[in-house]
Amino acid sequence: MADKQWYFNMVTEQPELGPKSPIDQRMGPYRSREEALHAWDIVKSRNAEWEEQDRQWKGNR
């Protein structure tokens, strides 16, 4: 089996190696423990990027 991936448990706020917690309590997969630890930062960054894309799309209509 390939290397296991990391997940972030939103309840315990801890990284997990492999999908241990229920799907509705985890984010991921991530390539490393460090990346999983920054799951909320990644979510915030992606959301901001998508919101900007939406603003630009709506402005071009």
C-alpha atoms as a PDB file:
ATOM      1  CA  MET A   1       0.000   0.000   0.000  1.00  0.00           C
ATOM      2  CA  ALA A   2       1.202   3.534  -0.728  1.00  0.00           C
ATOM      3  CA  ASP A   3       2.216   5.868   2.065  1.00  0.00           C
ATOM      4  CA  LYS A   4      -0.733   6.789   4.247  1.00  0.00           C
ATOM      5  CA  GLN A   5      -2.069  10.282   4.062  1.00  0.00           C
ATOM      6  CA  TRP A   6      -2.781  12.662   6.913  1.00  0.00           C
ATOM      7  CA  TYR A   7      -6.162  13.993   7.986  1.00  0.00           C
ATOM      8  CA  PHE A   8      -7.225  16.728  10.382  1.00  0.00           C
ATOM      9  CA  ASN A   9      -9.824  15.871  13.016  1.00  0.00           C
ATOM     10  CA  MET A  10     -12.046  18.944  13.434  1.00  0.00           C
ATOM     11  CA  VAL A  11     -13.337  17.785  16.836  1.00  0.00           C
ATOM     12  CA  THR A  12     -10.019  17.041  18.533  1.00  0.00           C
ATOM     13  CA  GLU A  13      -8.132  19.535  16.334  1.00  0.00           C
ATOM     14  CA  GLN A  14      -5.355  16.969  15.904  1.00  0.00           C
ATOM     15  CA  PRO A  15      -3.762  15.413  12.814  1.00  0.00           C
ATOM     16  CA  GLU A  16      -4.342  11.700  12.213  1.00  0.00           C
ATOM     17  CA  LEU A  17      -2.349   9.285  10.087  1.00  0.00           C
ATOM     18  CA  GLY A  18      -4.941   7.608   7.911  1.00  0.00           C
ATOM     19  CA  PRO A  19      -8.719   8.114   7.996  1.00  0.00           C
ATOM     20  CA  LYS A  20      -9.405   7.178  11.644  1.00  0.00           C
ATOM     21  CA  SER A  21     -12.216   9.534  12.623  1.00  0.00           C
ATOM     22  CA  PRO A  22     -15.691   9.649  11.024  1.00  0.00           C
ATOM     23  CA  ILE A  23     -15.782  11.411   7.664  1.00  0.00           C
ATOM     24  CA  ASP A  24     -17.929  14.264   8.991  1.00  0.00           C
ATOM     25  CA  GLN A  25     -15.264  15.046  11.613  1.00  0.00           C
ATOM     26  CA  ARG A  26     -12.185  15.179   9.385  1.00  0.00           C
ATOM     27  CA  MET A  27     -10.604  17.173   6.596  1.00  0.00           C
ATOM     28  CA  GLY A  28      -8.116  15.869   4.130  1.00  0.00           C
ATOM     29  CA  PRO A  29      -6.228  14.045   2.939  1.00  0.00           C
ATOM     30  CA  TYR A  30      -3.015  16.005   3.306  1.00  0.00           C
ATOM     31  CA  ARG A  31       0.493  15.015   2.262  1.00  0.00           C
ATOM     32  CA  SER A  32       2.100  15.565   5.668  1.00  0.00           C
ATOM     33  CA  ARG A  33       1.358  15.984   9.350  1.00  0.00           C
ATOM     34  CA  GLU A  34       2.474  19.613   9.127  1.00  0.00           C
ATOM     35  CA  GLU A  35       0.050  20.299   6.273  1.00  0.00           C
ATOM     36  CA  ALA A  36      -2.788  18.664   8.242  1.00  0.00           C
ATOM     37  CA  LEU A  37      -1.989  20.904  11.214  1.00  0.00           C
ATOM     38  CA  HIS A  38      -2.663  23.905   8.958  1.00  0.00           C
ATOM     39  CA  ALA A  39      -5.983  22.577   7.650  1.00  0.00           C
ATOM     40  CA  TRP A  40      -7.982  25.617   8.845  1.00  0.00           C
ATOM     41  CA  ASP A  41      -5.479  27.991   7.204  1.00  0.00           C
ATOM     42  CA  ILE A  42      -5.792  26.069   3.935  1.00  0.00           C
ATOM     43  CA  VAL A  43      -9.599  26.240   4.134  1.00  0.00           C
ATOM     44  CA  LYS A  44      -9.560  29.994   4.799  1.00  0.00           C
ATOM     45  CA  SER A  45      -7.152  30.601   1.934  1.00  0.00           C
ATOM     46  CA  ARG A  46      -9.167  28.546  -0.547  1.00  0.00           C
ATOM     47  CA  ASN A  47     -12.421  30.191   0.512  1.00  0.00           C
ATOM     48  CA  ALA A  48     -10.944  33.667   0.044  1.00  0.00           C
ATOM     49  CA  GLU A  49      -9.649  32.672  -3.396  1.00  0.00           C
ATOM     50  CA  TRP A  50     -13.042  31.275  -4.442  1.00  0.00           C
ATOM     51  CA  GLU A  51     -14.874  34.348  -3.141  1.00  0.00           C
ATOM     52  CA  GLU A  52     -12.578  36.568  -5.197  1.00  0.00           C
ATOM     53  CA  GLN A  53     -13.169  34.423  -8.279  1.00  0.00           C
ATOM     54  CA  ASP A  54     -16.934  34.727  -7.714  1.00  0.00           C
ATOM     55  CA  ARG A  55     -16.652  38.538  -7.429  1.00  0.00           C
ATOM     56  CA  GLN A  56     -14.676  38.696 -10.662  1.00  0.00           C
ATOM     57  CA  TRP A  57     -17.106  36.403 -12.463  1.00  0.00           C
ATOM     58  CA  LYS A  58     -20.125  38.409 -11.300  1.00  0.00           C
ATOM     59  CA  GLY A  59     -18.392  41.622 -12.366  1.00  0.00           C
ATOM     60  CA  ASN A  60     -17.928  40.299 -15.916  1.00  0.00           C
ATOM     61  CA  ARG A  61     -21.584  39.452 -16.467  1.00  0.00           C
END
